[in-house]
PDB file of N, CA and C in Angstrom:
ATOM      1  N   MET A   1      14.023 -11.723  -7.369  1.00  0.00           N
ATOM      2  CA  MET A   1      13.186 -11.097  -6.374  1.00  0.00           C
ATOM      3  C   MET A   1      12.409 -12.168  -5.618  1.00  0.00           C
ATOM      4  N   ALA A   2      12.295 -12.024  -4.320  1.00  0.00           N
ATOM      5  CA  ALA A   2      11.579 -12.984  -3.496  1.00  0.00           C
ATOM      6  C   ALA A   2      10.077 -12.883  -3.734  1.00  0.00           C
ATOM      7  N   LYS A   3       9.397 -13.994  -3.531  1.00  0.00           N
ATOM      8  CA  LYS A   3       7.953 -14.031  -3.722  1.00  0.00           C
ATOM      9  C   LYS A   3       7.251 -13.360  -2.539  1.00  0.00           C
ATOM     10  N   LEU A   4       6.272 -12.511  -2.837  1.00  0.00           N
ATOM     11  CA  LEU A   4       5.503 -11.832  -1.797  1.00  0.00           C
ATOM     12  C   LEU A   4       4.276 -12.662  -1.433  1.00  0.00           C
ATOM     13  N   HIS A   5       3.924 -12.662  -0.177  1.00  0.00           N
ATOM     14  CA  HIS A   5       2.717 -13.328   0.262  1.00  0.00           C
ATOM     15  C   HIS A   5       1.506 -12.455  -0.059  1.00  0.00           C
ATOM     16  N   THR A   6       0.341 -13.056  -0.079  1.00  0.00           N
ATOM     17  CA  THR A   6      -0.876 -12.353  -0.468  1.00  0.00           C
ATOM     18  C   THR A   6      -1.154 -11.153   0.427  1.00  0.00           C
ATOM     19  N   ARG A   7      -0.931 -11.307   1.737  1.00  0.00           N
ATOM     20  CA  ARG A   7      -1.169 -10.203   2.657  1.00  0.00           C
ATOM     21  C   ARG A   7      -0.301  -9.004   2.311  1.00  0.00           C
ATOM     22  N   GLN A   8       0.959  -9.267   1.983  1.00  0.00           N
ATOM     23  CA  GLN A   8       1.875  -8.189   1.617  1.00  0.00           C
ATOM     24  C   GLN A   8       1.464  -7.557   0.299  1.00  0.00           C
ATOM     25  N   LYS A   9       0.968  -8.357  -0.623  1.00  0.00           N
ATOM     26  CA  LYS A   9       0.513  -7.811  -1.902  1.00  0.00           C
ATOM     27  C   LYS A   9      -0.694  -6.904  -1.698  1.00  0.00           C
ATOM     28  N   ARG A  10      -1.607  -7.300  -0.809  1.00  0.00           N
ATOM     29  CA  ARG A  10      -2.770  -6.463  -0.529  1.00  0.00           C
ATOM     30  C   ARG A  10      -2.349  -5.145   0.096  1.00  0.00           C
ATOM     31  N   TYR A  11      -1.366  -5.202   0.997  1.00  0.00           N
ATOM     32  CA  TYR A  11      -0.887  -3.985   1.649  1.00  0.00           C
ATOM     33  C   TYR A  11      -0.243  -3.049   0.640  1.00  0.00           C
ATOM     34  N   LYS A  12       0.525  -3.581  -0.291  1.00  0.00           N
ATOM     35  CA  LYS A  12       1.203  -2.763  -1.294  1.00  0.00           C
ATOM     36  C   LYS A  12       0.331  -2.495  -2.510  1.00  0.00           C
ATOM     37  N   LEU A  13      -0.927  -2.980  -2.472  1.00  0.00           N
ATOM     38  CA  LEU A  13      -1.907  -2.790  -3.547  1.00  0.00           C
ATOM     39  C   LEU A  13      -1.421  -3.340  -4.877  1.00  0.00           C
ATOM     40  N   ILE A  14      -0.845  -4.530  -4.833  1.00  0.00           N
ATOM     41  CA  ILE A  14      -0.408  -5.227  -6.041  1.00  0.00           C
ATOM     42  C   ILE A  14      -1.401  -6.356  -6.288  1.00  0.00           C
ATOM     43  N   SER A  15      -1.752  -6.592  -7.519  1.00  0.00           N
ATOM     44  CA  SER A  15      -2.684  -7.654  -7.849  1.00  0.00           C
ATOM     45  C   SER A  15      -2.081  -9.003  -7.476  1.00  0.00           C
ATOM     46  N   THR A  16      -2.933  -9.919  -7.008  1.00  0.00           N
ATOM     47  CA  THR A  16      -2.447 -11.248  -6.652  1.00  0.00           C
ATOM     48  C   THR A  16      -2.367 -12.148  -7.872  1.00  0.00           C
ATOM     49  N   SER A  17      -2.911 -11.722  -9.002  1.00  0.00           N
ATOM     50  CA  SER A  17      -2.851 -12.533 -10.211  1.00  0.00           C
ATOM     51  C   SER A  17      -1.483 -12.395 -10.875  1.00  0.00           C
ATOM     52  N   PHE A  18      -1.238 -13.201 -11.863  1.00  0.00           N
ATOM     53  CA  PHE A  18       0.044 -13.198 -12.552  1.00  0.00           C
ATOM     54  C   PHE A  18       0.308 -11.840 -13.210  1.00  0.00           C
ATOM     55  N   GLY A  19       1.502 -11.339 -13.094  1.00  0.00           N
ATOM     56  CA  GLY A  19       1.869 -10.057 -13.687  1.00  0.00           C
ATOM     57  C   GLY A  19       1.644  -8.927 -12.717  1.00  0.00           C
ATOM     58  N   GLY A  20       0.425  -8.790 -12.269  1.00  0.00           N
ATOM     59  CA  GLY A  20       0.106  -7.781 -11.275  1.00  0.00           C
ATOM     60  C   GLY A  20       0.007  -6.381 -11.840  1.00  0.00           C
ATOM     61  N   PHE A  21      -0.460  -5.488 -11.043  1.00  0.00           N
ATOM     62  CA  PHE A  21      -0.551  -4.069 -11.377  1.00  0.00           C
ATOM     63  C   PHE A  21      -0.458  -3.285 -10.092  1.00  0.00           C
ATOM     64  N   ARG A  22      -0.191  -2.000 -10.225  1.00  0.00           N
ATOM     65  CA  ARG A  22      -0.107  -1.133  -9.052  1.00  0.00           C
ATOM     66  C   ARG A  22      -1.113  -0.022  -9.156  1.00  0.00           C
ATOM     67  N   ARG A  23      -1.863   0.174  -8.077  1.00  0.00           N
ATOM     68  CA  ARG A  23      -2.776   1.300  -8.010  1.00  0.00           C
ATOM     69  C   ARG A  23      -2.117   2.378  -7.168  1.00  0.00           C
ATOM     70  N   PRO A  24      -2.347   3.630  -7.487  1.00  0.00           N
ATOM     71  CA  PRO A  24      -1.748   4.687  -6.669  1.00  0.00           C
ATOM     72  C   PRO A  24      -2.353   4.708  -5.272  1.00  0.00           C
ATOM     73  N   ARG A  25      -1.527   4.941  -4.287  1.00  0.00           N
ATOM     74  CA  ARG A  25      -1.973   5.003  -2.895  1.00  0.00           C
ATOM     75  C   ARG A  25      -2.168   6.439  -2.480  1.00  0.00           C
ATOM     76  N   ASN A  26      -3.199   6.686  -1.733  1.00  0.00           N
ATOM     77  CA  ASN A  26      -3.445   8.019  -1.209  1.00  0.00           C
ATOM     78  C   ASN A  26      -2.678   8.168   0.094  1.00  0.00           C
ATOM     79  N   LYS A  27      -1.552   8.805   0.062  1.00  0.00           N
ATOM     80  CA  LYS A  27      -0.767   8.964   1.267  1.00  0.00           C
ATOM     81  C   LYS A  27      -1.022  10.345   1.855  1.00  0.00           C
ATOM     82  N   THR A  28      -1.176  10.375   3.145  1.00  0.00           N
ATOM     83  CA  THR A  28      -1.337  11.652   3.812  1.00  0.00           C
ATOM     84  C   THR A  28       0.012  12.069   4.365  1.00  0.00           C
ATOM     85  N   LYS A  29       0.257  13.333   4.409  1.00  0.00           N
ATOM     86  CA  LYS A  29       1.528  13.851   4.883  1.00  0.00           C
ATOM     87  C   LYS A  29       1.319  14.389   6.288  1.00  0.00           C
ATOM     88  N   SER A  30       2.180  13.964   7.205  1.00  0.00           N
ATOM     89  CA  SER A  30       2.070  14.448   8.574  1.00  0.00           C
ATOM     90  C   SER A  30       3.335  15.205   8.951  1.00  0.00           C
ATOM     91  N   PHE A  31       3.177  16.136   9.857  1.00  0.00           N
ATOM     92  CA  PHE A  31       4.273  17.016  10.259  1.00  0.00           C
ATOM     93  C   PHE A  31       4.379  17.054  11.776  1.00  0.00           C
ATOM     94  N   SER A  32       5.575  17.328  12.260  1.00  0.00           N
ATOM     95  CA  SER A  32       5.785  17.357  13.706  1.00  0.00           C
ATOM     96  C   SER A  32       5.367  18.691  14.320  1.00  0.00           C
ATOM     97  N   SER A  33       5.297  19.740  13.506  1.00  0.00           N
ATOM     98  CA  SER A  33       4.880  21.034  14.043  1.00  0.00           C
ATOM     99  C   SER A  33       3.898  21.711  13.087  1.00  0.00           C
ATOM    100  N   GLU A  34       3.108  22.593  13.637  1.00  0.00           N
ATOM    101  CA  GLU A  34       2.106  23.296  12.834  1.00  0.00           C
ATOM    102  C   GLU A  34       2.773  24.254  11.852  1.00  0.00           C
ATOM    103  N   GLU A  35       3.900  24.832  12.252  1.00  0.00           N
ATOM    104  CA  GLU A  35       4.618  25.762  11.373  1.00  0.00           C
ATOM    105  C   GLU A  35       5.146  25.054  10.127  1.00  0.00           C
ATOM    106  N   SER A  36       5.679  23.852  10.306  1.00  0.00           N
ATOM    107  CA  SER A  36       6.209  23.119   9.152  1.00  0.00           C
ATOM    108  C   SER A  36       5.078  22.684   8.220  1.00  0.00           C
ATOM    109  N   ALA A  37       3.920  22.356   8.771  1.00  0.00           N
ATOM    110  CA  ALA A  37       2.767  21.998   7.946  1.00  0.00           C
ATOM    111  C   ALA A  37       2.296  23.194   7.123  1.00  0.00           C
ATOM    112  N   ARG A  38       2.253  24.360   7.767  1.00  0.00           N
ATOM    113  CA  ARG A  38       1.840  25.578   7.065  1.00  0.00           C
ATOM    114  C   ARG A  38       2.848  25.941   5.967  1.00  0.00           C
ATOM    115  N   LYS A  39       4.127  25.781   6.255  1.00  0.00           N
ATOM    116  CA  LYS A  39       5.164  26.086   5.279  1.00  0.00           C
ATOM    117  C   LYS A  39       5.053  25.173   4.060  1.00  0.00           C
ATOM    118  N   TRP A  40       4.797  23.865   4.288  1.00  0.00           N
ATOM    119  CA  TRP A  40       4.650  22.913   3.193  1.00  0.00           C
ATOM    120  C   TRP A  40       3.444  23.265   2.329  1.00  0.00           C
ATOM    121  N   ALA A  41       2.332  23.642   2.966  1.00  0.00           N
ATOM    122  CA  ALA A  41       1.130  24.010   2.225  1.00  0.00           C
ATOM    123  C   ALA A  41       1.365  25.259   1.379  1.00  0.00           C
ATOM    124  N   GLU A  42       2.132  26.217   1.896  1.00  0.00           N
ATOM    125  CA  GLU A  42       2.443  27.426   1.137  1.00  0.00           C
ATOM    126  C   GLU A  42       3.352  27.102  -0.049  1.00  0.00           C
ATOM    127  N   GLU A  43       4.298  26.180   0.138  1.00  0.00           N
ATOM    128  CA  GLU A  43       5.181  25.784  -0.968  1.00  0.00           C
ATOM    129  C   GLU A  43       4.404  25.102  -2.085  1.00  0.00           C
ATOM    130  N   LYS A  44       3.393  24.304  -1.718  1.00  0.00           N
ATOM    131  CA  LYS A  44       2.567  23.605  -2.708  1.00  0.00           C
ATOM    132  C   LYS A  44       1.479  24.499  -3.282  1.00  0.00           C
ATOM    133  N   LYS A  45       1.412  25.740  -2.809  1.00  0.00           N
ATOM    134  CA  LYS A  45       0.443  26.737  -3.266  1.00  0.00           C
ATOM    135  C   LYS A  45      -1.000  26.272  -3.077  1.00  0.00           C
ATOM    136  N   LEU A  46      -1.262  25.672  -1.926  1.00  0.00           N
ATOM    137  CA  LEU A  46      -2.623  25.273  -1.593  1.00  0.00           C
ATOM    138  C   LEU A  46      -3.355  26.490  -1.047  1.00  0.00           C
ATOM    139  N   LYS A  47      -4.567  26.705  -1.526  1.00  0.00           N
ATOM    140  CA  LYS A  47      -5.317  27.885  -1.107  1.00  0.00           C
ATOM    141  C   LYS A  47      -6.348  27.557  -0.038  1.00  0.00           C
ATOM    142  N   ASN A  48      -7.073  26.484  -0.228  1.00  0.00           N
ATOM    143  CA  ASN A  48      -8.150  26.143   0.686  1.00  0.00           C
ATOM    144  C   ASN A  48      -7.751  24.896   1.477  1.00  0.00           C
ATOM    145  N   TYR A  49      -7.058  25.083   2.587  1.00  0.00           N
ATOM    146  CA  TYR A  49      -6.592  23.953   3.384  1.00  0.00           C
ATOM    147  C   TYR A  49      -6.810  24.232   4.866  1.00  0.00           C
ATOM    148  N   GLU A  50      -6.689  23.169   5.632  1.00  0.00           N
ATOM    149  CA  GLU A  50      -6.866  23.261   7.074  1.00  0.00           C
ATOM    150  C   GLU A  50      -5.837  22.343   7.732  1.00  0.00           C
ATOM    151  N   ILE A  51      -5.269  22.778   8.831  1.00  0.00           N
ATOM    152  CA  ILE A  51      -4.301  21.963   9.556  1.00  0.00           C
ATOM    153  C   ILE A  51      -5.003  21.374  10.768  1.00  0.00           C
ATOM    154  N   VAL A  52      -5.028  20.041  10.831  1.00  0.00           N
ATOM    155  CA  VAL A  52      -5.730  19.357  11.912  1.00  0.00           C
ATOM    156  C   VAL A  52      -4.771  18.444  12.661  1.00  0.00           C
ATOM    157  N   LYS A  53      -5.161  18.095  13.869  1.00  0.00           N
ATOM    158  CA  LYS A  53      -4.416  17.143  14.679  1.00  0.00           C
ATOM    159  C   LYS A  53      -5.190  15.831  14.637  1.00  0.00           C
ATOM    160  N   PRO A  54      -4.650  14.795  13.995  1.00  0.00           N
ATOM    161  CA  PRO A  54      -5.401  13.545  13.882  1.00  0.00           C
ATOM    162  C   PRO A  54      -5.614  12.896  15.245  1.00  0.00           C
ATOM    163  N   CYS A  55      -6.753  12.255  15.399  1.00  0.00           N
ATOM    164  CA  CYS A  55      -7.107  11.623  16.682  1.00  0.00           C
ATOM    165  C   CYS A  55      -6.689  10.160  16.684  1.00  0.00           C
ATOM    166  N   MET A  56      -5.425   9.894  16.477  1.00  0.00           N
ATOM    167  CA  MET A  56      -4.934   8.527  16.484  1.00  0.00           C
ATOM    168  C   MET A  56      -4.096   8.326  17.749  1.00  0.00           C
ATOM    169  N   GLY A  57      -4.703   7.880  18.800  1.00  0.00           N
ATOM    170  CA  GLY A  57      -3.980   7.634  20.037  1.00  0.00           C
ATOM    171  C   GLY A  57      -3.455   8.922  20.626  1.00  0.00           C
ATOM    172  N   LEU A  58      -2.193   8.931  20.974  1.00  0.00           N
ATOM    173  CA  LEU A  58      -1.575  10.101  21.585  1.00  0.00           C
ATOM    174  C   LEU A  58      -0.695  10.839  20.582  1.00  0.00           C
ATOM    175  N   SER A  59      -1.138  10.912  19.346  1.00  0.00           N
ATOM    176  CA  SER A  59      -0.351  11.534  18.288  1.00  0.00           C
ATOM    177  C   SER A  59      -0.128  13.014  18.563  1.00  0.00           C
ATOM    178  N   LYS A  60       1.097  13.450  18.352  1.00  0.00           N
ATOM    179  CA  LYS A  60       1.438  14.861  18.528  1.00  0.00           C
ATOM    180  C   LYS A  60       1.729  15.518  17.188  1.00  0.00           C
ATOM    181  N   LYS A  61       1.310  14.874  16.097  1.00  0.00           N
ATOM    182  CA  LYS A  61       1.609  15.381  14.766  1.00  0.00           C
ATOM    183  C   LYS A  61       0.429  16.177  14.215  1.00  0.00           C
ATOM    184  N   PHE A  62       0.694  16.859  13.105  1.00  0.00           N
ATOM    185  CA  PHE A  62      -0.324  17.667  12.438  1.00  0.00           C
ATOM    186  C   PHE A  62      -0.471  17.181  11.003  1.00  0.00           C
ATOM    187  N   LYS A  63      -1.650  17.367  10.437  1.00  0.00           N
ATOM    188  CA  LYS A  63      -1.950  16.887   9.087  1.00  0.00           C
ATOM    189  C   LYS A  63      -2.593  18.012   8.300  1.00  0.00           C
ATOM    190  N   VAL A  64      -2.235  18.119   7.025  1.00  0.00           N
ATOM    191  CA  VAL A  64      -2.827  19.117   6.134  1.00  0.00           C
ATOM    192  C   VAL A  64      -3.987  18.470   5.389  1.00  0.00           C
ATOM    193  N   VAL A  65      -5.173  19.071   5.519  1.00  0.00           N
ATOM    194  CA  VAL A  65      -6.373  18.578   4.855  1.00  0.00           C
ATOM    195  C   VAL A  65      -6.825  19.633   3.866  1.00  0.00           C
ATOM    196  N   VAL A  66      -6.945  19.245   2.597  1.00  0.00           N
ATOM    197  CA  VAL A  66      -7.375  20.170   1.543  1.00  0.00           C
ATOM    198  C   VAL A  66      -8.892  20.146   1.476  1.00  0.00           C
ATOM    199  N   LYS A  67      -9.508  21.320   1.576  1.00  0.00           N
ATOM    200  CA  LYS A  67     -10.963  21.443   1.468  1.00  0.00           C
ATOM    201  C   LYS A  67     -11.322  21.622   0.002  1.00  0.00           C
ATOM    202  N   GLU A  68     -12.396  21.032  -0.386  1.00  0.00           N
ATOM    203  CA  GLU A  68     -12.843  21.114  -1.784  1.00  0.00           C
ATOM    204  C   GLU A  68     -13.736  22.306  -1.999  1.00  0.00           C
TER     205      GLU A  68
END
């Protein structure tokens, strides 16, 4: 396996020390349509959720946000 540079290790959340470890990443799921986002939330049996349009540039995608 090729050696990773420190910047790449930080991006992948791998320790820069010998051996390393992995921390879980919080990934958000985005959808191209509101219907597909709603369908995914129903499949996951989420009860308290909201579908929002993220304000990242000219994004046309939708995101499912779980309310606590």
